[in-house]
Amino acid sequence: MARPEAREPDKAGSAPARHGRARGRPIRVLVAKPGLDGHDRGAKVVAAALRDAGMEVVYTGLHQTPEMIATAAVQEDVDVVGLSILSGAHMTLFPRVRRLLEEMGRPETLVTGGGIIPPEDMAALQEQGIGKLFGPGTPTSDLIDYIESWAASHLES
């Protein structure tokens, strides 16, 4: 059996990114679980997939308030905030994080995410400035492609 080619680690010590870069650096993504929902397996899978794609990922953990998420996004200087919401509070939480980021001077930050969100609510949230939203079972490659495409048109100058 042939050995896989050895790859040099990047500056962060992980496998080098073939993708996941903008402005000459990794795309920075904050993955958060707002509210009381205690199921974070999906968020952890997404965080790992984004990291494997070469993005710099900050995972905030469970039970975050919108204020905690927006503050962390500003402090970590992220390009993207990804929310995982399974609790049914998506119509409140996504717009609240978006509004807080705008108030904190970061209106250019993409707010995206997924969870158990009916299609009509996805459309309504996108009309409010929320990025593309993803449902259960979405291949992580779809998330990666979306974020990379967004970054290519919004971050690279």
C-alpha atoms as a PDB file:
ATOM      1  CA  MET A   1       0.000   0.000   0.000  1.00  0.00           C
ATOM      2  CA  ALA A   2       1.412   3.401  -0.978  1.00  0.00           C
ATOM      3  CA  ARG A   3       2.046   5.892   1.756  1.00  0.00           C
ATOM      4  CA  PRO A   4       0.183   9.188   1.530  1.00  0.00           C
ATOM      5  CA  GLU A   5       2.367  12.160   0.720  1.00  0.00           C
ATOM      6  CA  ALA A   6       3.659  13.943   3.771  1.00  0.00           C
ATOM      7  CA  ARG A   7       2.347  17.478   4.061  1.00  0.00           C
ATOM      8  CA  GLU A   8       4.030  20.382   5.762  1.00  0.00           C
ATOM      9  CA  PRO A   9       1.997  21.904   8.604  1.00  0.00           C
ATOM     10  CA  ASP A  10       0.948  25.519   8.160  1.00  0.00           C
ATOM     11  CA  LYS A  11       1.711  28.314  10.639  1.00  0.00           C
ATOM     12  CA  ALA A  12      -1.074  27.158  12.961  1.00  0.00           C
ATOM     13  CA  GLY A  13       0.347  23.642  13.035  1.00  0.00           C
ATOM     14  CA  SER A  14      -2.495  21.956  11.180  1.00  0.00           C
ATOM     15  CA  ALA A  15      -2.560  20.510   7.692  1.00  0.00           C
ATOM     16  CA  PRO A  16      -2.014  23.200   5.059  1.00  0.00           C
ATOM     17  CA  ALA A  17      -5.074  24.703   3.507  1.00  0.00           C
ATOM     18  CA  ARG A  18      -5.781  24.063  -0.115  1.00  0.00           C
ATOM     19  CA  HIS A  19      -8.873  26.178   0.370  1.00  0.00           C
ATOM     20  CA  GLY A  20     -10.341  28.206   3.190  1.00  0.00           C
ATOM     21  CA  ARG A  21      -8.221  31.292   2.596  1.00  0.00           C
ATOM     22  CA  ALA A  22      -8.997  34.944   1.991  1.00  0.00           C
ATOM     23  CA  ARG A  23      -6.784  38.010   2.065  1.00  0.00           C
ATOM     24  CA  GLY A  24      -3.744  35.734   2.280  1.00  0.00           C
ATOM     25  CA  ARG A  25      -4.867  34.169   5.557  1.00  0.00           C
ATOM     26  CA  PRO A  26      -7.338  31.511   6.657  1.00  0.00           C
ATOM     27  CA  ILE A  27     -11.003  32.445   6.706  1.00  0.00           C
ATOM     28  CA  ARG A  28     -11.948  32.917  10.362  1.00  0.00           C
ATOM     29  CA  VAL A  29     -15.191  31.275  11.484  1.00  0.00           C
ATOM     30  CA  LEU A  30     -16.874  31.314  14.875  1.00  0.00           C
ATOM     31  CA  VAL A  31     -19.207  28.349  15.462  1.00  0.00           C
ATOM     32  CA  ALA A  32     -21.690  28.847  18.281  1.00  0.00           C
ATOM     33  CA  LYS A  33     -24.627  27.109  19.987  1.00  0.00           C
ATOM     34  CA  PRO A  34     -26.962  29.826  21.257  1.00  0.00           C
ATOM     35  CA  GLY A  35     -29.694  29.260  23.792  1.00  0.00           C
ATOM     36  CA  LEU A  36     -30.482  26.291  25.952  1.00  0.00           C
ATOM     37  CA  ASP A  37     -30.087  23.580  23.308  1.00  0.00           C
ATOM     38  CA  GLY A  38     -27.603  21.034  24.639  1.00  0.00           C
ATOM     39  CA  HIS A  39     -26.983  19.030  21.463  1.00  0.00           C
ATOM     40  CA  ASP A  40     -23.670  20.061  19.951  1.00  0.00           C
ATOM     41  CA  ARG A  41     -22.528  17.052  17.949  1.00  0.00           C
ATOM     42  CA  GLY A  42     -23.462  18.712  14.638  1.00  0.00           C
ATOM     43  CA  ALA A  43     -21.709  21.943  15.570  1.00  0.00           C
ATOM     44  CA  LYS A  44     -18.556  20.005  16.450  1.00  0.00           C
ATOM     45  CA  VAL A  45     -18.688  18.087  13.152  1.00  0.00           C
ATOM     46  CA  VAL A  46     -19.065  21.359  11.259  1.00  0.00           C
ATOM     47  CA  ALA A  47     -16.225  23.004  13.209  1.00  0.00           C
ATOM     48  CA  ALA A  48     -13.915  20.076  12.457  1.00  0.00           C
ATOM     49  CA  ALA A  49     -14.851  20.058   8.750  1.00  0.00           C
ATOM     50  CA  LEU A  50     -14.215  23.789   8.421  1.00  0.00           C
ATOM     51  CA  ARG A  51     -10.882  23.413  10.199  1.00  0.00           C
ATOM     52  CA  ASP A  52      -9.951  20.494   7.938  1.00  0.00           C
ATOM     53  CA  ALA A  53     -10.757  22.736   4.950  1.00  0.00           C
ATOM     54  CA  GLY A  54      -8.124  25.194   6.149  1.00  0.00           C
ATOM     55  CA  MET A  55     -10.306  27.674   7.987  1.00  0.00           C
ATOM     56  CA  GLU A  56      -9.456  29.035  11.402  1.00  0.00           C
ATOM     57  CA  VAL A  57     -12.312  27.982  13.690  1.00  0.00           C
ATOM     58  CA  VAL A  58     -13.365  29.183  17.127  1.00  0.00           C
ATOM     59  CA  TYR A  59     -15.997  27.006  18.811  1.00  0.00           C
ATOM     60  CA  THR A  60     -17.701  28.812  21.690  1.00  0.00           C
ATOM     61  CA  GLY A  61     -19.430  25.810  23.218  1.00  0.00           C
ATOM     62  CA  LEU A  62     -22.967  25.396  24.492  1.00  0.00           C
ATOM     63  CA  HIS A  63     -25.457  27.829  25.996  1.00  0.00           C
ATOM     64  CA  GLN A  64     -24.142  31.064  24.503  1.00  0.00           C
ATOM     65  CA  THR A  65     -26.203  34.243  24.530  1.00  0.00           C
ATOM     66  CA  PRO A  66     -26.361  36.366  21.383  1.00  0.00           C
ATOM     67  CA  GLU A  67     -24.337  38.998  23.249  1.00  0.00           C
ATOM     68  CA  MET A  68     -21.623  36.474  24.107  1.00  0.00           C
ATOM     69  CA  ILE A  69     -21.509  35.282  20.492  1.00  0.00           C
ATOM     70  CA  ALA A  70     -21.288  38.764  18.974  1.00  0.00           C
ATOM     71  CA  THR A  71     -18.653  39.845  21.503  1.00  0.00           C
ATOM     72  CA  ALA A  72     -16.554  36.760  20.800  1.00  0.00           C
ATOM     73  CA  ALA A  73     -16.897  37.340  17.044  1.00  0.00           C
ATOM     74  CA  VAL A  74     -15.563  40.881  17.397  1.00  0.00           C
ATOM     75  CA  GLN A  75     -12.789  39.894  19.817  1.00  0.00           C
ATOM     76  CA  GLU A  76     -11.676  37.008  17.589  1.00  0.00           C
ATOM     77  CA  ASP A  77     -11.945  39.194  14.444  1.00  0.00           C
ATOM     78  CA  VAL A  78     -13.886  36.518  12.567  1.00  0.00           C
ATOM     79  CA  ASP A  79     -15.221  36.796   9.035  1.00  0.00           C
ATOM     80  CA  VAL A  80     -18.124  34.380   9.560  1.00  0.00           C
ATOM     81  CA  VAL A  81     -20.423  33.468  12.443  1.00  0.00           C
ATOM     82  CA  GLY A  82     -22.091  30.065  12.127  1.00  0.00           C
ATOM     83  CA  LEU A  83     -24.959  29.342  14.490  1.00  0.00           C
ATOM     84  CA  SER A  84     -26.310  25.864  15.172  1.00  0.00           C
ATOM     85  CA  ILE A  85     -29.887  26.083  16.396  1.00  0.00           C
ATOM     86  CA  LEU A  86     -32.092  23.083  17.083  1.00  0.00           C
ATOM     87  CA  SER A  87     -34.353  24.693  19.678  1.00  0.00           C
ATOM     88  CA  GLY A  88     -36.826  26.442  17.380  1.00  0.00           C
ATOM     89  CA  ALA A  89     -35.618  29.910  18.441  1.00  0.00           C
ATOM     90  CA  HIS A  90     -33.984  30.640  15.076  1.00  0.00           C
ATOM     91  CA  MET A  91     -36.319  33.545  14.195  1.00  0.00           C
ATOM     92  CA  THR A  92     -35.115  35.376  17.301  1.00  0.00           C
ATOM     93  CA  LEU A  93     -31.484  34.280  17.629  1.00  0.00           C
ATOM     94  CA  PHE A  94     -30.181  34.788  14.075  1.00  0.00           C
ATOM     95  CA  PRO A  95     -31.516  38.378  13.763  1.00  0.00           C
ATOM     96  CA  ARG A  96     -30.337  39.252  17.275  1.00  0.00           C
ATOM     97  CA  VAL A  97     -26.746  38.171  16.535  1.00  0.00           C
ATOM     98  CA  ARG A  98     -26.877  40.031  13.175  1.00  0.00           C
ATOM     99  CA  ARG A  99     -28.128  43.215  14.902  1.00  0.00           C
ATOM    100  CA  LEU A 100     -25.499  43.021  17.652  1.00  0.00           C
ATOM    101  CA  LEU A 101     -22.697  42.619  15.110  1.00  0.00           C
ATOM    102  CA  GLU A 102     -23.975  45.692  13.271  1.00  0.00           C
ATOM    103  CA  GLU A 103     -24.133  47.662  16.532  1.00  0.00           C
ATOM    104  CA  MET A 104     -20.554  46.583  17.328  1.00  0.00           C
ATOM    105  CA  GLY A 105     -19.315  47.903  13.999  1.00  0.00           C
ATOM    106  CA  ARG A 106     -19.078  44.547  12.194  1.00  0.00           C
ATOM    107  CA  PRO A 107     -21.931  44.642   9.630  1.00  0.00           C
ATOM    108  CA  GLU A 108     -19.755  42.879   7.038  1.00  0.00           C
ATOM    109  CA  THR A 109     -19.576  39.663   9.090  1.00  0.00           C
ATOM    110  CA  LEU A 110     -21.474  36.800   7.453  1.00  0.00           C
ATOM    111  CA  VAL A 111     -24.042  35.234   9.777  1.00  0.00           C
ATOM    112  CA  THR A 112     -24.957  31.759   8.575  1.00  0.00           C
ATOM    113  CA  GLY A 113     -25.744  28.434  10.174  1.00  0.00           C
ATOM    114  CA  GLY A 114     -28.204  25.644  10.348  1.00  0.00           C
ATOM    115  CA  GLY A 115     -30.409  23.398  12.336  1.00  0.00           C
ATOM    116  CA  ILE A 116     -34.064  22.441  12.333  1.00  0.00           C
ATOM    117  CA  ILE A 117     -35.357  25.426  10.349  1.00  0.00           C
ATOM    118  CA  PRO A 118     -38.420  25.255   8.090  1.00  0.00           C
ATOM    119  CA  PRO A 119     -37.793  26.458   4.507  1.00  0.00           C
ATOM    120  CA  GLU A 120     -40.178  29.409   4.897  1.00  0.00           C
ATOM    121  CA  ASP A 121     -38.233  30.569   7.970  1.00  0.00           C
ATOM    122  CA  MET A 122     -34.945  30.185   6.069  1.00  0.00           C
ATOM    123  CA  ALA A 123     -36.327  32.499   3.369  1.00  0.00           C
ATOM    124  CA  ALA A 124     -37.566  35.025   5.940  1.00  0.00           C
ATOM    125  CA  LEU A 125     -34.186  35.051   7.704  1.00  0.00           C
ATOM    126  CA  GLN A 126     -32.314  35.526   4.438  1.00  0.00           C
ATOM    127  CA  GLU A 127     -34.554  38.539   3.718  1.00  0.00           C
ATOM    128  CA  GLN A 128     -33.292  39.953   7.048  1.00  0.00           C
ATOM    129  CA  GLY A 129     -29.646  39.696   5.987  1.00  0.00           C
ATOM    130  CA  ILE A 130     -28.823  36.225   7.258  1.00  0.00           C
ATOM    131  CA  GLY A 131     -26.704  34.110   4.908  1.00  0.00           C
ATOM    132  CA  LYS A 132     -27.603  30.730   3.504  1.00  0.00           C
ATOM    133  CA  LEU A 133     -28.940  28.297   6.092  1.00  0.00           C
ATOM    134  CA  PHE A 134     -28.509  24.531   6.105  1.00  0.00           C
ATOM    135  CA  GLY A 135     -30.663  21.694   7.387  1.00  0.00           C
ATOM    136  CA  PRO A 136     -29.846  18.327   8.922  1.00  0.00           C
ATOM    137  CA  GLY A 137     -27.935  15.970   6.663  1.00  0.00           C
ATOM    138  CA  THR A 138     -26.342  18.696   4.558  1.00  0.00           C
ATOM    139  CA  PRO A 139     -22.904  17.539   3.396  1.00  0.00           C
ATOM    140  CA  THR A 140     -20.184  19.580   5.080  1.00  0.00           C
ATOM    141  CA  SER A 141     -18.727  20.196   1.621  1.00  0.00           C
ATOM    142  CA  ASP A 142     -21.803  22.369   0.886  1.00  0.00           C
ATOM    143  CA  LEU A 143     -21.032  24.567   3.909  1.00  0.00           C
ATOM    144  CA  ILE A 144     -17.372  24.820   2.977  1.00  0.00           C
ATOM    145  CA  ASP A 145     -18.175  25.712  -0.645  1.00  0.00           C
ATOM    146  CA  TYR A 146     -20.669  28.366   0.463  1.00  0.00           C
ATOM    147  CA  ILE A 147     -18.274  30.027   2.914  1.00  0.00           C
ATOM    148  CA  GLU A 148     -15.375  29.935   0.448  1.00  0.00           C
ATOM    149  CA  SER A 149     -17.559  31.402  -2.297  1.00  0.00           C
ATOM    150  CA  TRP A 150     -18.808  34.156   0.020  1.00  0.00           C
ATOM    151  CA  ALA A 151     -15.264  34.923   1.157  1.00  0.00           C
ATOM    152  CA  ALA A 152     -13.981  35.077  -2.429  1.00  0.00           C
ATOM    153  CA  SER A 153     -16.514  37.770  -3.292  1.00  0.00           C
ATOM    154  CA  HIS A 154     -16.534  39.681   0.009  1.00  0.00           C
ATOM    155  CA  LEU A 155     -13.062  39.421   1.540  1.00  0.00           C
ATOM    156  CA  GLU A 156     -10.509  39.305  -1.226  1.00  0.00           C
ATOM    157  CA  SER A 157      -9.526  42.646  -2.664  1.00  0.00           C
END
